[in-house]
Amino acid sequence: MSALTSLCRMFARPGHGHHRAPALPPAQPADPVVGMLRPVEALVNDTAWCPVEEVDRLHAFLATGGRICWTCRTVTTDRTPPGGVE
């Protein structure tokens, strides 16, 4: 047996085949609050009255009956804006 073969057997890992890399765990967001702000039950996006900014803004209307302002992230549970018609 040659010296090179002896060194390879001493320092080489066992097994000589193609192996799959271990599966990586799913990536986690940098901030856990990011997942809570995402409206997963949104039905539609449309403009509506934002009570915080007091102007019409883009909202995500939820299946639960409320809406979330995309600008300030305010959750509004009433469906009709004050003094407005739905």
C-alpha atoms as a PDB file:
ATOM      1  CA  MET A   1       0.000   0.000   0.000  1.00  0.00           C
ATOM      2  CA  SER A   2       1.373   3.402  -0.932  1.00  0.00           C
ATOM      3  CA  ALA A   3       1.881   6.258   1.521  1.00  0.00           C
ATOM      4  CA  LEU A   4      -0.752   8.366  -0.231  1.00  0.00           C
ATOM      5  CA  THR A   5      -3.374   5.630   0.067  1.00  0.00           C
ATOM      6  CA  SER A   6      -2.579   5.237   3.769  1.00  0.00           C
ATOM      7  CA  LEU A   7      -2.989   8.968   4.384  1.00  0.00           C
ATOM      8  CA  CYS A   8      -6.271   9.071   2.481  1.00  0.00           C
ATOM      9  CA  ARG A   9      -7.677   6.210   4.553  1.00  0.00           C
ATOM     10  CA  MET A  10      -6.609   7.852   7.807  1.00  0.00           C
ATOM     11  CA  PHE A  11      -8.089  11.285   7.118  1.00  0.00           C
ATOM     12  CA  ALA A  12     -10.922  10.625   4.690  1.00  0.00           C
ATOM     13  CA  ARG A  13     -14.488  10.357   5.863  1.00  0.00           C
ATOM     14  CA  PRO A  14     -16.109   6.956   5.509  1.00  0.00           C
ATOM     15  CA  GLY A  15     -18.382   6.391   2.565  1.00  0.00           C
ATOM     16  CA  HIS A  16     -17.818   7.294  -1.055  1.00  0.00           C
ATOM     17  CA  GLY A  17     -21.040   8.321  -2.652  1.00  0.00           C
ATOM     18  CA  HIS A  18     -23.243  11.223  -3.326  1.00  0.00           C
ATOM     19  CA  HIS A  19     -25.199  12.198  -0.258  1.00  0.00           C
ATOM     20  CA  ARG A  20     -27.956  14.712   0.058  1.00  0.00           C
ATOM     21  CA  ALA A  21     -27.330  17.744   2.173  1.00  0.00           C
ATOM     22  CA  PRO A  22     -29.385  17.842   5.364  1.00  0.00           C
ATOM     23  CA  ALA A  23     -32.606  19.816   5.053  1.00  0.00           C
ATOM     24  CA  LEU A  24     -32.407  23.330   6.429  1.00  0.00           C
ATOM     25  CA  PRO A  25     -35.033  24.475   8.905  1.00  0.00           C
ATOM     26  CA  PRO A  26     -37.546  27.002   7.547  1.00  0.00           C
ATOM     27  CA  ALA A  27     -36.336  30.588   7.734  1.00  0.00           C
ATOM     28  CA  GLN A  28     -37.697  32.643  10.594  1.00  0.00           C
ATOM     29  CA  PRO A  29     -38.463  36.346  10.166  1.00  0.00           C
ATOM     30  CA  ALA A  30     -36.011  38.729  11.790  1.00  0.00           C
ATOM     31  CA  ASP A  31     -38.797  40.227  13.895  1.00  0.00           C
ATOM     32  CA  PRO A  32     -41.605  37.946  15.178  1.00  0.00           C
ATOM     33  CA  VAL A  33     -44.065  40.864  15.010  1.00  0.00           C
ATOM     34  CA  VAL A  34     -43.831  40.820  11.213  1.00  0.00           C
ATOM     35  CA  GLY A  35     -45.864  37.609  11.057  1.00  0.00           C
ATOM     36  CA  MET A  36     -48.597  39.079  13.235  1.00  0.00           C
ATOM     37  CA  LEU A  37     -48.989  42.145  10.995  1.00  0.00           C
ATOM     38  CA  ARG A  38     -49.561  40.139   7.854  1.00  0.00           C
ATOM     39  CA  PRO A  39     -53.313  39.809   7.161  1.00  0.00           C
ATOM     40  CA  VAL A  40     -53.596  36.148   6.211  1.00  0.00           C
ATOM     41  CA  GLU A  41     -57.387  36.199   6.030  1.00  0.00           C
ATOM     42  CA  ALA A  42     -57.642  39.256   3.755  1.00  0.00           C
ATOM     43  CA  LEU A  43     -60.360  39.062   1.159  1.00  0.00           C
ATOM     44  CA  VAL A  44     -59.732  42.219  -0.841  1.00  0.00           C
ATOM     45  CA  ASN A  45     -57.739  45.452  -0.835  1.00  0.00           C
ATOM     46  CA  ASP A  46     -59.628  48.691  -1.300  1.00  0.00           C
ATOM     47  CA  THR A  47     -59.622  52.287  -0.123  1.00  0.00           C
ATOM     48  CA  ALA A  48     -61.572  53.137   3.016  1.00  0.00           C
ATOM     49  CA  TRP A  49     -61.719  55.793   5.723  1.00  0.00           C
ATOM     50  CA  CYS A  50     -58.824  55.543   8.197  1.00  0.00           C
ATOM     51  CA  PRO A  51     -59.926  56.879  11.610  1.00  0.00           C
ATOM     52  CA  VAL A  52     -56.330  57.529  12.735  1.00  0.00           C
ATOM     53  CA  GLU A  53     -55.149  59.462   9.686  1.00  0.00           C
ATOM     54  CA  GLU A  54     -58.644  60.869   8.957  1.00  0.00           C
ATOM     55  CA  VAL A  55     -58.284  60.325   5.220  1.00  0.00           C
ATOM     56  CA  ASP A  56     -59.092  57.563   2.709  1.00  0.00           C
ATOM     57  CA  ARG A  57     -56.260  55.008   2.610  1.00  0.00           C
ATOM     58  CA  LEU A  58     -55.696  51.539   1.170  1.00  0.00           C
ATOM     59  CA  HIS A  59     -57.047  48.842   3.520  1.00  0.00           C
ATOM     60  CA  ALA A  60     -57.056  45.052   3.603  1.00  0.00           C
ATOM     61  CA  PHE A  61     -60.619  43.922   4.275  1.00  0.00           C
ATOM     62  CA  LEU A  62     -60.655  40.793   6.437  1.00  0.00           C
ATOM     63  CA  ALA A  63     -62.941  37.789   6.389  1.00  0.00           C
ATOM     64  CA  THR A  64     -63.606  38.370  10.100  1.00  0.00           C
ATOM     65  CA  GLY A  65     -65.373  41.637   9.315  1.00  0.00           C
ATOM     66  CA  GLY A  66     -62.725  44.250  10.069  1.00  0.00           C
ATOM     67  CA  ARG A  67     -60.045  45.949   8.046  1.00  0.00           C
ATOM     68  CA  ILE A  68     -56.365  46.889   8.434  1.00  0.00           C
ATOM     69  CA  CYS A  69     -54.868  50.120   7.120  1.00  0.00           C
ATOM     70  CA  TRP A  70     -51.791  49.416   5.016  1.00  0.00           C
ATOM     71  CA  THR A  71     -50.232  52.768   5.972  1.00  0.00           C
ATOM     72  CA  CYS A  72     -50.547  52.882   9.770  1.00  0.00           C
ATOM     73  CA  ARG A  73     -51.607  49.243  10.487  1.00  0.00           C
ATOM     74  CA  THR A  74     -54.682  50.331  12.447  1.00  0.00           C
ATOM     75  CA  VAL A  75     -57.295  47.596  12.831  1.00  0.00           C
ATOM     76  CA  THR A  76     -60.833  48.906  12.399  1.00  0.00           C
ATOM     77  CA  THR A  77     -63.735  46.652  13.316  1.00  0.00           C
ATOM     78  CA  ASP A  78     -66.657  48.818  12.160  1.00  0.00           C
ATOM     79  CA  ARG A  79     -67.475  48.468   8.499  1.00  0.00           C
ATOM     80  CA  THR A  80     -68.850  51.953   7.854  1.00  0.00           C
ATOM     81  CA  PRO A  81     -66.688  55.085   8.063  1.00  0.00           C
ATOM     82  CA  PRO A  82     -68.048  57.908  10.233  1.00  0.00           C
ATOM     83  CA  GLY A  83     -70.456  59.956   8.134  1.00  0.00           C
ATOM     84  CA  GLY A  84     -69.820  57.768   5.112  1.00  0.00           C
ATOM     85  CA  VAL A  85     -71.587  55.083   3.163  1.00  0.00           C
ATOM     86  CA  GLU A  86     -70.080  51.680   2.678  1.00  0.00           C
END
